[in-house]
Amino acid sequence: MKLYYSPGACSMSPHIVLREAGLAFDLEKVDLGTKKTAAGADFNMVNPKGYVPALQLDDGSVLTEGPAIVQYLADMAPAARLAPANGTVERARLQEWLNFITAELHKGMGSLFSKDMPEAWRETVRKRLAQRLDYVEKQLAGRQFVLGGQFTVADAYLWTILSWGRYVGVDIAKWANVKAYFDRVGARPSVQAALKAEGLAT
């Protein structure tokens, strides 16, 4: 398998999951400005959507969209317990979290990277994100991870999106449980290895 990524982007989530699962994979960096891969290929030919992550499977086919990719990877390595079994309410809870992170956190945080966003709208987005983080704060009370005591693919995704806060003016230190969770997940060997591989940590 090959993961197409951009350093620190949402592709960090499947990158962490690949390492947690102990799966064999290659990495190929993508310049999202030029849409060129490190090997000089046109990334739009890999993923016509033009963004990461994209996971090229061993048969040459390509899977896109982070929540789909991480569940696929989790199911490839069930012993790692990165996702509950399909068909269970626990799996639906995982998907509930993945959808929440995608729709309510990823989109908001990601939009704040836009230099063209008017300041008034930027503040509106930050207020909405604060409301969503209030919810996360309550959910994390007394929990190690979002589903309880077991690290799952939802944690890889949530940590990745929370890591953007310092770049877009969202100080997660305002939420004690969120900050403690961020630090705890960030200390995992898989996260540290992914950051190092992407040139984001020494």
N, C-alpha and C. Protein backbone atom coordinates (compact mmCIF):
# COMPACT_ATOMS: atom_id res chain seq x y z
N MET A 1 0.84 -1.20 0.00
CA MET A 1 0.00 0.00 0.00
C MET A 1 0.87 1.25 0.00
N LYS A 2 0.31 2.31 -0.53
CA LYS A 2 1.01 3.59 -0.52
C LYS A 2 0.05 4.68 -0.07
N LEU A 3 0.48 5.45 0.94
CA LEU A 3 -0.31 6.58 1.41
C LEU A 3 0.24 7.87 0.82
N TYR A 4 -0.60 8.57 0.10
CA TYR A 4 -0.25 9.91 -0.39
C TYR A 4 -0.65 10.90 0.70
N TYR A 5 0.31 11.74 1.08
CA TYR A 5 0.10 12.62 2.23
C TYR A 5 0.70 14.00 1.97
N SER A 6 0.26 14.94 2.79
CA SER A 6 0.90 16.25 2.88
C SER A 6 1.21 16.46 4.35
N PRO A 7 2.40 16.92 4.70
CA PRO A 7 2.79 17.01 6.12
C PRO A 7 1.77 17.78 6.97
N GLY A 8 1.31 17.11 8.03
CA GLY A 8 0.41 17.75 8.98
C GLY A 8 -1.02 17.87 8.54
N ALA A 9 -1.34 17.47 7.31
CA ALA A 9 -2.71 17.54 6.82
C ALA A 9 -3.54 16.42 7.42
N CYS A 10 -4.80 16.29 7.00
CA CYS A 10 -5.66 15.26 7.56
C CYS A 10 -5.19 13.86 7.20
N SER A 11 -4.27 13.76 6.25
CA SER A 11 -3.65 12.46 5.93
C SER A 11 -2.83 11.93 7.09
N MET A 12 -2.56 12.77 8.09
CA MET A 12 -1.86 12.30 9.29
C MET A 12 -2.66 11.21 9.99
N SER A 13 -3.98 11.30 9.92
CA SER A 13 -4.83 10.33 10.61
C SER A 13 -4.61 8.91 10.09
N PRO A 14 -4.76 8.62 8.79
CA PRO A 14 -4.46 7.27 8.32
C PRO A 14 -2.99 6.89 8.48
N HIS A 15 -2.10 7.88 8.46
CA HIS A 15 -0.68 7.60 8.68
C HIS A 15 -0.49 7.02 10.08
N ILE A 16 -1.11 7.63 11.07
CA ILE A 16 -1.03 7.12 12.44
C ILE A 16 -1.64 5.73 12.53
N VAL A 17 -2.78 5.55 11.87
CA VAL A 17 -3.47 4.26 11.92
C VAL A 17 -2.63 3.16 11.29
N LEU A 18 -1.99 3.45 10.18
CA LEU A 18 -1.11 2.46 9.55
C LEU A 18 -0.03 1.98 10.52
N ARG A 19 0.52 2.91 11.28
CA ARG A 19 1.57 2.55 12.24
C ARG A 19 0.98 1.82 13.44
N GLU A 20 -0.18 2.23 13.91
CA GLU A 20 -0.83 1.52 15.02
C GLU A 20 -1.16 0.08 14.63
N ALA A 21 -1.57 -0.10 13.37
CA ALA A 21 -1.98 -1.41 12.89
C ALA A 21 -0.81 -2.32 12.55
N GLY A 22 0.38 -1.74 12.42
CA GLY A 22 1.55 -2.52 12.07
C GLY A 22 1.53 -3.03 10.64
N LEU A 23 0.87 -2.28 9.77
CA LEU A 23 0.76 -2.68 8.36
C LEU A 23 1.95 -2.15 7.56
N ALA A 24 2.33 -2.88 6.53
CA ALA A 24 3.41 -2.44 5.64
C ALA A 24 2.87 -1.40 4.67
N PHE A 25 3.60 -0.30 4.51
CA PHE A 25 3.13 0.76 3.61
C PHE A 25 4.30 1.63 3.17
N ASP A 26 4.09 2.31 2.06
CA ASP A 26 5.01 3.34 1.58
C ASP A 26 4.32 4.69 1.71
N LEU A 27 5.14 5.74 1.79
CA LEU A 27 4.63 7.10 1.83
C LEU A 27 5.07 7.86 0.59
N GLU A 28 4.18 8.69 0.07
CA GLU A 28 4.58 9.60 -1.00
C GLU A 28 3.98 10.97 -0.72
N LYS A 29 4.88 11.93 -0.60
CA LYS A 29 4.49 13.30 -0.28
C LYS A 29 3.85 13.97 -1.49
N VAL A 30 2.84 14.80 -1.21
CA VAL A 30 2.14 15.53 -2.26
C VAL A 30 2.25 17.03 -1.98
N ASP A 31 2.60 17.79 -3.01
CA ASP A 31 2.56 19.25 -2.94
C ASP A 31 1.16 19.67 -3.36
N LEU A 32 0.35 20.10 -2.40
CA LEU A 32 -1.04 20.42 -2.71
C LEU A 32 -1.19 21.69 -3.52
N GLY A 33 -0.13 22.49 -3.57
CA GLY A 33 -0.16 23.70 -4.40
C GLY A 33 0.01 23.38 -5.87
N THR A 34 0.99 22.55 -6.17
CA THR A 34 1.28 22.20 -7.56
C THR A 34 0.56 20.93 -8.01
N LYS A 35 0.00 20.18 -7.04
CA LYS A 35 -0.64 18.88 -7.31
C LYS A 35 0.35 17.88 -7.90
N LYS A 36 1.61 17.99 -7.46
CA LYS A 36 2.63 17.05 -7.91
C LYS A 36 3.06 16.18 -6.72
N THR A 37 3.33 14.92 -7.00
CA THR A 37 3.83 14.03 -5.96
C THR A 37 5.35 14.14 -5.91
N ALA A 38 5.93 13.59 -4.86
CA ALA A 38 7.39 13.64 -4.72
C ALA A 38 8.08 12.97 -5.89
N ALA A 39 7.42 12.01 -6.52
CA ALA A 39 8.00 11.32 -7.67
C ALA A 39 7.77 12.07 -8.98
N GLY A 40 7.09 13.22 -8.90
CA GLY A 40 6.85 14.02 -10.09
C GLY A 40 5.56 13.71 -10.83
N ALA A 41 4.73 12.84 -10.26
CA ALA A 41 3.47 12.48 -10.91
C ALA A 41 2.40 13.55 -10.67
N ASP A 42 1.41 13.56 -11.54
CA ASP A 42 0.26 14.46 -11.39
C ASP A 42 -0.69 13.83 -10.37
N PHE A 43 -0.80 14.44 -9.20
CA PHE A 43 -1.63 13.86 -8.15
C PHE A 43 -3.09 13.77 -8.56
N ASN A 44 -3.54 14.66 -9.42
CA ASN A 44 -4.94 14.60 -9.88
C ASN A 44 -5.24 13.30 -10.62
N MET A 45 -4.20 12.65 -11.13
CA MET A 45 -4.39 11.35 -11.78
C MET A 45 -4.55 10.24 -10.73
N VAL A 46 -4.04 10.49 -9.53
CA VAL A 46 -4.20 9.54 -8.43
C VAL A 46 -5.56 9.74 -7.78
N ASN A 47 -5.84 10.98 -7.42
CA ASN A 47 -7.11 11.34 -6.80
C ASN A 47 -7.67 12.57 -7.51
N PRO A 48 -8.66 12.39 -8.37
CA PRO A 48 -9.24 13.52 -9.11
C PRO A 48 -9.83 14.60 -8.22
N LYS A 49 -10.08 14.27 -6.95
CA LYS A 49 -10.58 15.28 -6.01
C LYS A 49 -9.50 16.31 -5.68
N GLY A 50 -8.24 15.91 -5.85
CA GLY A 50 -7.13 16.84 -5.68
C GLY A 50 -6.63 17.05 -4.27
N TYR A 51 -7.11 16.24 -3.32
CA TYR A 51 -6.64 16.43 -1.95
C TYR A 51 -6.27 15.09 -1.32
N VAL A 52 -5.50 15.17 -0.25
CA VAL A 52 -5.12 13.99 0.52
C VAL A 52 -6.14 13.79 1.64
N PRO A 53 -6.18 12.55 2.19
CA PRO A 53 -5.36 11.39 1.89
C PRO A 53 -5.89 10.59 0.70
N ALA A 54 -4.98 9.84 0.11
CA ALA A 54 -5.34 8.84 -0.89
C ALA A 54 -4.50 7.61 -0.59
N LEU A 55 -5.13 6.47 -0.55
CA LEU A 55 -4.45 5.23 -0.25
C LEU A 55 -4.50 4.33 -1.48
N GLN A 56 -3.33 4.09 -2.06
CA GLN A 56 -3.25 3.19 -3.20
C GLN A 56 -3.08 1.77 -2.67
N LEU A 57 -4.02 0.91 -3.05
CA LEU A 57 -4.00 -0.46 -2.57
C LEU A 57 -3.07 -1.31 -3.43
N ASP A 58 -2.81 -2.51 -2.97
CA ASP A 58 -1.85 -3.37 -3.65
C ASP A 58 -2.29 -3.76 -5.06
N ASP A 59 -3.60 -3.69 -5.33
CA ASP A 59 -4.08 -4.00 -6.67
C ASP A 59 -4.08 -2.79 -7.59
N GLY A 60 -3.57 -1.65 -7.08
CA GLY A 60 -3.49 -0.43 -7.89
C GLY A 60 -4.67 0.49 -7.75
N SER A 61 -5.76 0.02 -7.16
CA SER A 61 -6.92 0.88 -6.96
C SER A 61 -6.64 1.88 -5.84
N VAL A 62 -7.43 2.94 -5.80
CA VAL A 62 -7.19 4.02 -4.84
C VAL A 62 -8.44 4.27 -4.01
N LEU A 63 -8.25 4.35 -2.71
CA LEU A 63 -9.32 4.66 -1.76
C LEU A 63 -9.08 6.07 -1.23
N THR A 64 -10.14 6.88 -1.19
CA THR A 64 -10.02 8.25 -0.68
C THR A 64 -11.02 8.47 0.46
N GLU A 65 -10.90 9.63 1.08
CA GLU A 65 -11.70 10.07 2.23
C GLU A 65 -11.21 9.39 3.51
N GLY A 66 -10.68 10.22 4.40
CA GLY A 66 -10.05 9.74 5.62
C GLY A 66 -10.87 8.76 6.44
N PRO A 67 -12.15 9.07 6.78
CA PRO A 67 -12.93 8.14 7.59
C PRO A 67 -13.11 6.76 6.95
N ALA A 68 -13.22 6.72 5.63
CA ALA A 68 -13.33 5.43 4.93
C ALA A 68 -12.00 4.69 4.98
N ILE A 69 -10.92 5.41 4.75
CA ILE A 69 -9.59 4.80 4.74
C ILE A 69 -9.26 4.19 6.11
N VAL A 70 -9.49 4.94 7.18
CA VAL A 70 -9.07 4.44 8.50
C VAL A 70 -9.89 3.22 8.92
N GLN A 71 -11.16 3.16 8.53
CA GLN A 71 -11.95 1.97 8.87
C GLN A 71 -11.49 0.76 8.06
N TYR A 72 -11.16 1.00 6.81
CA TYR A 72 -10.62 -0.09 5.97
C TYR A 72 -9.34 -0.64 6.59
N LEU A 73 -8.46 0.25 7.01
CA LEU A 73 -7.19 -0.18 7.62
C LEU A 73 -7.44 -0.92 8.93
N ALA A 74 -8.36 -0.42 9.74
CA ALA A 74 -8.66 -1.09 11.01
C ALA A 74 -9.16 -2.50 10.77
N ASP A 75 -9.97 -2.69 9.74
CA ASP A 75 -10.51 -4.01 9.45
C ASP A 75 -9.45 -4.95 8.88
N MET A 76 -8.37 -4.38 8.34
CA MET A 76 -7.26 -5.21 7.85
C MET A 76 -6.44 -5.79 9.00
N ALA A 77 -6.51 -5.15 10.16
CA ALA A 77 -5.70 -5.57 11.31
C ALA A 77 -6.57 -5.65 12.56
N PRO A 78 -7.52 -6.58 12.59
CA PRO A 78 -8.46 -6.63 13.72
C PRO A 78 -7.79 -6.84 15.08
N ALA A 79 -6.63 -7.47 15.09
CA ALA A 79 -5.96 -7.71 16.37
C ALA A 79 -5.53 -6.42 17.05
N ALA A 80 -5.37 -5.36 16.27
CA ALA A 80 -4.96 -4.07 16.83
C ALA A 80 -6.12 -3.36 17.53
N ARG A 81 -7.35 -3.84 17.31
CA ARG A 81 -8.55 -3.31 17.98
C ARG A 81 -8.72 -1.81 17.75
N LEU A 82 -8.51 -1.38 16.52
CA LEU A 82 -8.64 0.03 16.18
C LEU A 82 -10.05 0.43 15.79
N ALA A 83 -10.93 -0.55 15.66
CA ALA A 83 -12.34 -0.30 15.38
C ALA A 83 -13.15 -1.49 15.88
N PRO A 84 -14.32 -1.25 16.48
CA PRO A 84 -15.19 -2.37 16.86
C PRO A 84 -15.65 -3.13 15.61
N ALA A 85 -16.15 -4.31 15.81
CA ALA A 85 -16.58 -5.15 14.70
C ALA A 85 -17.75 -4.53 13.95
N ASN A 86 -17.76 -4.73 12.64
CA ASN A 86 -18.89 -4.27 11.83
C ASN A 86 -20.18 -4.92 12.31
N GLY A 87 -21.26 -4.15 12.21
CA GLY A 87 -22.56 -4.67 12.59
C GLY A 87 -22.90 -4.52 14.06
N THR A 88 -21.98 -3.96 14.85
CA THR A 88 -22.24 -3.74 16.27
C THR A 88 -22.60 -2.28 16.53
N VAL A 89 -23.29 -2.05 17.64
CA VAL A 89 -23.61 -0.66 17.98
C VAL A 89 -22.34 0.11 18.30
N GLU A 90 -21.32 -0.60 18.79
CA GLU A 90 -20.05 0.07 19.06
C GLU A 90 -19.42 0.59 17.77
N ARG A 91 -19.56 -0.16 16.67
CA ARG A 91 -19.05 0.33 15.38
C ARG A 91 -19.83 1.57 14.96
N ALA A 92 -21.13 1.56 15.18
CA ALA A 92 -21.94 2.73 14.85
C ALA A 92 -21.50 3.93 15.68
N ARG A 93 -21.12 3.71 16.94
CA ARG A 93 -20.62 4.80 17.78
C ARG A 93 -19.32 5.36 17.21
N LEU A 94 -18.46 4.48 16.74
CA LEU A 94 -17.23 4.93 16.10
C LEU A 94 -17.55 5.79 14.88
N GLN A 95 -18.47 5.33 14.06
CA GLN A 95 -18.85 6.08 12.86
C GLN A 95 -19.51 7.40 13.23
N GLU A 96 -20.24 7.41 14.33
CA GLU A 96 -20.84 8.64 14.83
C GLU A 96 -19.74 9.68 15.13
N TRP A 97 -18.69 9.22 15.80
CA TRP A 97 -17.57 10.11 16.10
C TRP A 97 -16.85 10.56 14.83
N LEU A 98 -16.61 9.63 13.91
CA LEU A 98 -15.92 10.00 12.67
C LEU A 98 -16.72 11.05 11.89
N ASN A 99 -18.03 10.89 11.86
CA ASN A 99 -18.86 11.87 11.16
C ASN A 99 -18.86 13.22 11.86
N PHE A 100 -18.90 13.19 13.19
CA PHE A 100 -18.84 14.43 13.96
C PHE A 100 -17.53 15.16 13.73
N ILE A 101 -16.42 14.43 13.78
CA ILE A 101 -15.11 15.06 13.58
C ILE A 101 -15.03 15.65 12.17
N THR A 102 -15.51 14.90 11.18
CA THR A 102 -15.47 15.37 9.79
C THR A 102 -16.29 16.64 9.60
N ALA A 103 -17.54 16.59 10.03
CA ALA A 103 -18.48 17.67 9.72
C ALA A 103 -18.34 18.88 10.64
N GLU A 104 -18.07 18.62 11.91
CA GLU A 104 -18.14 19.71 12.89
C GLU A 104 -16.78 20.27 13.31
N LEU A 105 -15.71 19.49 13.16
CA LEU A 105 -14.39 19.96 13.56
C LEU A 105 -13.46 20.16 12.38
N HIS A 106 -13.33 19.14 11.54
CA HIS A 106 -12.42 19.21 10.39
C HIS A 106 -12.76 20.38 9.48
N LYS A 107 -14.01 20.49 9.09
CA LYS A 107 -14.40 21.55 8.15
C LYS A 107 -14.18 22.93 8.75
N GLY A 108 -14.52 23.09 10.02
CA GLY A 108 -14.33 24.39 10.66
C GLY A 108 -12.88 24.75 10.81
N MET A 109 -12.09 23.84 11.38
CA MET A 109 -10.65 24.10 11.56
C MET A 109 -9.98 24.33 10.21
N GLY A 110 -10.31 23.49 9.25
CA GLY A 110 -9.69 23.60 7.93
C GLY A 110 -9.99 24.92 7.25
N SER A 111 -11.21 25.41 7.41
CA SER A 111 -11.58 26.66 6.75
C SER A 111 -10.79 27.84 7.29
N LEU A 112 -10.34 27.75 8.54
CA LEU A 112 -9.60 28.86 9.15
C LEU A 112 -8.21 29.04 8.55
N PHE A 113 -7.74 28.07 7.79
CA PHE A 113 -6.45 28.23 7.12
C PHE A 113 -6.55 29.18 5.92
N SER A 114 -7.77 29.47 5.47
CA SER A 114 -7.96 30.34 4.31
C SER A 114 -7.58 31.78 4.63
N LYS A 115 -6.68 32.33 3.82
CA LYS A 115 -6.27 33.72 4.01
C LYS A 115 -7.35 34.70 3.55
N ASP A 116 -8.30 34.21 2.75
CA ASP A 116 -9.33 35.08 2.21
C ASP A 116 -10.56 35.19 3.09
N MET A 117 -10.62 34.46 4.18
CA MET A 117 -11.80 34.49 5.04
C MET A 117 -11.91 35.83 5.76
N PRO A 118 -13.06 36.51 5.65
CA PRO A 118 -13.25 37.77 6.38
C PRO A 118 -13.16 37.54 7.89
N GLU A 119 -12.60 38.51 8.59
CA GLU A 119 -12.36 38.35 10.02
C GLU A 119 -13.65 38.10 10.80
N ALA A 120 -14.74 38.74 10.40
CA ALA A 120 -16.01 38.55 11.11
C ALA A 120 -16.47 37.10 11.01
N TRP A 121 -16.33 36.52 9.83
CA TRP A 121 -16.73 35.13 9.64
C TRP A 121 -15.77 34.20 10.37
N ARG A 122 -14.48 34.57 10.41
CA ARG A 122 -13.49 33.78 11.12
C ARG A 122 -13.87 33.65 12.60
N GLU A 123 -14.32 34.73 13.18
CA GLU A 123 -14.72 34.70 14.59
C GLU A 123 -15.97 33.86 14.78
N THR A 124 -16.88 33.90 13.81
CA THR A 124 -18.08 33.07 13.88
C THR A 124 -17.70 31.59 13.86
N VAL A 125 -16.77 31.24 13.00
CA VAL A 125 -16.33 29.84 12.91
C VAL A 125 -15.67 29.41 14.22
N ARG A 126 -14.84 30.29 14.79
CA ARG A 126 -14.17 29.95 16.05
C ARG A 126 -15.18 29.74 17.18
N LYS A 127 -16.24 30.57 17.22
CA LYS A 127 -17.27 30.41 18.25
C LYS A 127 -18.00 29.08 18.09
N ARG A 128 -18.27 28.70 16.84
CA ARG A 128 -18.95 27.43 16.58
C ARG A 128 -18.05 26.27 16.98
N LEU A 129 -16.75 26.39 16.68
CA LEU A 129 -15.81 25.35 17.08
C LEU A 129 -15.73 25.24 18.60
N ALA A 130 -15.80 26.36 19.28
CA ALA A 130 -15.76 26.33 20.74
C ALA A 130 -16.95 25.56 21.30
N GLN A 131 -18.11 25.73 20.69
CA GLN A 131 -19.29 24.98 21.13
C GLN A 131 -19.10 23.48 20.92
N ARG A 132 -18.50 23.12 19.79
CA ARG A 132 -18.26 21.71 19.52
C ARG A 132 -17.21 21.13 20.48
N LEU A 133 -16.20 21.94 20.79
CA LEU A 133 -15.17 21.48 21.72
C LEU A 133 -15.71 21.39 23.14
N ASP A 134 -16.72 22.20 23.48
CA ASP A 134 -17.40 22.05 24.77
C ASP A 134 -17.99 20.64 24.87
N TYR A 135 -18.56 20.18 23.77
CA TYR A 135 -19.14 18.83 23.73
C TYR A 135 -18.05 17.78 23.90
N VAL A 136 -16.95 17.93 23.17
CA VAL A 136 -15.84 16.97 23.26
C VAL A 136 -15.30 16.94 24.69
N GLU A 137 -15.18 18.11 25.29
CA GLU A 137 -14.69 18.22 26.67
C GLU A 137 -15.53 17.36 27.62
N LYS A 138 -16.85 17.45 27.48
CA LYS A 138 -17.74 16.66 28.35
C LYS A 138 -17.62 15.17 28.07
N GLN A 139 -17.50 14.83 26.80
CA GLN A 139 -17.41 13.42 26.43
C GLN A 139 -16.13 12.77 26.92
N LEU A 140 -15.07 13.56 27.01
CA LEU A 140 -13.78 13.01 27.43
C LEU A 140 -13.62 12.92 28.95
N ALA A 141 -14.57 13.45 29.69
CA ALA A 141 -14.48 13.39 31.16
C ALA A 141 -14.44 11.93 31.62
N GLY A 142 -13.38 11.57 32.28
CA GLY A 142 -13.24 10.21 32.79
C GLY A 142 -12.88 9.17 31.75
N ARG A 143 -12.55 9.61 30.54
CA ARG A 143 -12.20 8.67 29.47
C ARG A 143 -10.76 8.88 29.02
N GLN A 144 -10.11 7.78 28.68
CA GLN A 144 -8.78 7.87 28.06
C GLN A 144 -8.90 8.28 26.60
N PHE A 145 -9.90 7.70 25.92
CA PHE A 145 -10.09 7.91 24.49
C PHE A 145 -11.56 8.14 24.21
N VAL A 146 -11.90 8.48 22.97
CA VAL A 146 -13.27 8.90 22.70
C VAL A 146 -14.29 7.79 22.94
N LEU A 147 -13.90 6.53 22.73
CA LEU A 147 -14.83 5.43 22.98
C LEU A 147 -14.63 4.77 24.34
N GLY A 148 -13.76 5.33 25.15
CA GLY A 148 -13.51 4.76 26.46
C GLY A 148 -12.05 4.46 26.70
N GLY A 149 -11.74 3.20 26.96
CA GLY A 149 -10.37 2.84 27.31
C GLY A 149 -9.52 2.33 26.17
N GLN A 150 -10.10 2.20 24.97
CA GLN A 150 -9.38 1.64 23.83
C GLN A 150 -9.13 2.70 22.76
N PHE A 151 -7.88 2.87 22.36
CA PHE A 151 -7.54 3.77 21.26
C PHE A 151 -8.14 3.21 19.97
N THR A 152 -8.80 4.09 19.20
CA THR A 152 -9.39 3.69 17.92
C THR A 152 -9.01 4.69 16.83
N VAL A 153 -9.46 4.39 15.63
CA VAL A 153 -9.18 5.28 14.50
C VAL A 153 -9.78 6.67 14.72
N ALA A 154 -10.85 6.77 15.51
CA ALA A 154 -11.44 8.08 15.79
C ALA A 154 -10.45 8.96 16.56
N ASP A 155 -9.63 8.36 17.39
CA ASP A 155 -8.64 9.12 18.15
C ASP A 155 -7.54 9.65 17.24
N ALA A 156 -7.14 8.84 16.26
CA ALA A 156 -6.13 9.32 15.30
C ALA A 156 -6.65 10.53 14.54
N TYR A 157 -7.92 10.50 14.19
CA TYR A 157 -8.53 11.60 13.43
C TYR A 157 -8.72 12.83 14.32
N LEU A 158 -9.28 12.63 15.51
CA LEU A 158 -9.50 13.77 16.40
C LEU A 158 -8.18 14.44 16.77
N TRP A 159 -7.16 13.66 17.08
CA TRP A 159 -5.87 14.25 17.44
C TRP A 159 -5.32 15.09 16.28
N THR A 160 -5.44 14.57 15.07
CA THR A 160 -4.93 15.29 13.90
C THR A 160 -5.60 16.65 13.75
N ILE A 161 -6.91 16.68 13.89
CA ILE A 161 -7.64 17.95 13.73
C ILE A 161 -7.33 18.90 14.89
N LEU A 162 -7.25 18.38 16.09
CA LEU A 162 -6.89 19.23 17.24
C LEU A 162 -5.51 19.84 17.07
N SER A 163 -4.61 19.13 16.39
CA SER A 163 -3.24 19.63 16.21
C SER A 163 -3.20 20.90 15.37
N TRP A 164 -4.26 21.18 14.64
CA TRP A 164 -4.31 22.40 13.81
C TRP A 164 -4.63 23.64 14.63
N GLY A 165 -5.13 23.45 15.84
CA GLY A 165 -5.61 24.59 16.63
C GLY A 165 -4.60 25.71 16.77
N ARG A 166 -3.35 25.34 17.04
CA ARG A 166 -2.34 26.38 17.28
C ARG A 166 -2.03 27.21 16.04
N TYR A 167 -2.38 26.71 14.87
CA TYR A 167 -2.13 27.44 13.63
C TYR A 167 -3.28 28.37 13.23
N VAL A 168 -4.46 28.12 13.81
CA VAL A 168 -5.64 28.86 13.36
C VAL A 168 -6.33 29.63 14.48
N GLY A 169 -5.62 29.80 15.60
CA GLY A 169 -6.17 30.63 16.68
C GLY A 169 -7.22 29.94 17.53
N VAL A 170 -7.16 28.62 17.64
CA VAL A 170 -8.06 27.88 18.52
C VAL A 170 -7.20 27.23 19.61
N ASP A 171 -7.22 27.81 20.79
CA ASP A 171 -6.37 27.36 21.88
C ASP A 171 -7.06 26.24 22.65
N ILE A 172 -6.67 24.99 22.39
CA ILE A 172 -7.36 23.88 23.03
C ILE A 172 -7.05 23.78 24.53
N ALA A 173 -6.07 24.56 25.01
CA ALA A 173 -5.76 24.55 26.44
C ALA A 173 -6.93 25.08 27.27
N LYS A 174 -7.89 25.74 26.62
CA LYS A 174 -9.08 26.23 27.33
C LYS A 174 -9.95 25.08 27.82
N TRP A 175 -9.76 23.91 27.24
CA TRP A 175 -10.54 22.73 27.60
C TRP A 175 -9.60 21.71 28.22
N ALA A 176 -9.66 21.56 29.54
CA ALA A 176 -8.67 20.75 30.28
C ALA A 176 -8.66 19.30 29.81
N ASN A 177 -9.84 18.70 29.66
CA ASN A 177 -9.89 17.29 29.25
C ASN A 177 -9.36 17.12 27.83
N VAL A 178 -9.70 18.07 26.96
CA VAL A 178 -9.25 18.02 25.57
C VAL A 178 -7.73 18.14 25.51
N LYS A 179 -7.18 19.08 26.28
CA LYS A 179 -5.73 19.29 26.27
C LYS A 179 -5.00 18.06 26.81
N ALA A 180 -5.51 17.49 27.90
CA ALA A 180 -4.87 16.30 28.47
C ALA A 180 -4.94 15.14 27.48
N TYR A 181 -6.07 15.01 26.82
CA TYR A 181 -6.24 13.97 25.80
C TYR A 181 -5.26 14.18 24.64
N PHE A 182 -5.15 15.42 24.19
CA PHE A 182 -4.25 15.74 23.09
C PHE A 182 -2.81 15.37 23.43
N ASP A 183 -2.40 15.71 24.64
CA ASP A 183 -1.03 15.39 25.07
C ASP A 183 -0.84 13.88 25.20
N ARG A 184 -1.84 13.21 25.72
CA ARG A 184 -1.76 11.75 25.92
C ARG A 184 -1.65 11.01 24.58
N VAL A 185 -2.50 11.36 23.65
CA VAL A 185 -2.46 10.71 22.34
C VAL A 185 -1.19 11.10 21.59
N GLY A 186 -0.79 12.36 21.72
CA GLY A 186 0.41 12.83 21.04
C GLY A 186 1.68 12.14 21.49
N ALA A 187 1.66 11.56 22.67
CA ALA A 187 2.84 10.86 23.19
C ALA A 187 2.93 9.43 22.69
N ARG A 188 1.90 8.93 22.01
CA ARG A 188 1.94 7.54 21.53
C ARG A 188 3.06 7.37 20.51
N PRO A 189 3.74 6.23 20.54
CA PRO A 189 4.83 5.99 19.59
C PRO A 189 4.40 6.13 18.13
N SER A 190 3.19 5.71 17.81
CA SER A 190 2.71 5.81 16.43
C SER A 190 2.60 7.25 15.98
N VAL A 191 2.14 8.11 16.87
CA VAL A 191 2.00 9.53 16.53
C VAL A 191 3.38 10.17 16.37
N GLN A 192 4.27 9.89 17.29
CA GLN A 192 5.61 10.45 17.22
C GLN A 192 6.34 9.97 15.97
N ALA A 193 6.15 8.70 15.60
CA ALA A 193 6.79 8.17 14.40
C ALA A 193 6.23 8.82 13.15
N ALA A 194 4.91 9.05 13.13
CA ALA A 194 4.29 9.70 11.97
C ALA A 194 4.78 11.15 11.83
N LEU A 195 4.86 11.85 12.94
CA LEU A 195 5.34 13.23 12.91
C LEU A 195 6.78 13.28 12.40
N LYS A 196 7.60 12.37 12.86
CA LYS A 196 9.00 12.34 12.43
C LYS A 196 9.10 12.02 10.93
N ALA A 197 8.32 11.05 10.48
CA ALA A 197 8.36 10.66 9.08
C ALA A 197 7.90 11.78 8.16
N GLU A 198 7.02 12.64 8.67
CA GLU A 198 6.51 13.75 7.86
C GLU A 198 7.34 15.02 8.02
N GLY A 199 8.43 14.92 8.78
CA GLY A 199 9.32 16.06 8.96
C GLY A 199 8.82 17.09 9.93
N LEU A 200 7.93 16.67 10.82
CA LEU A 200 7.31 17.61 11.77
C LEU A 200 7.85 17.46 13.19
N ALA A 201 8.74 16.51 13.39
CA ALA A 201 9.36 16.31 14.71
C ALA A 201 10.75 15.73 14.48
N THR A 202 11.63 15.97 15.44
CA THR A 202 12.99 15.46 15.31
C THR A 202 13.13 14.16 16.08
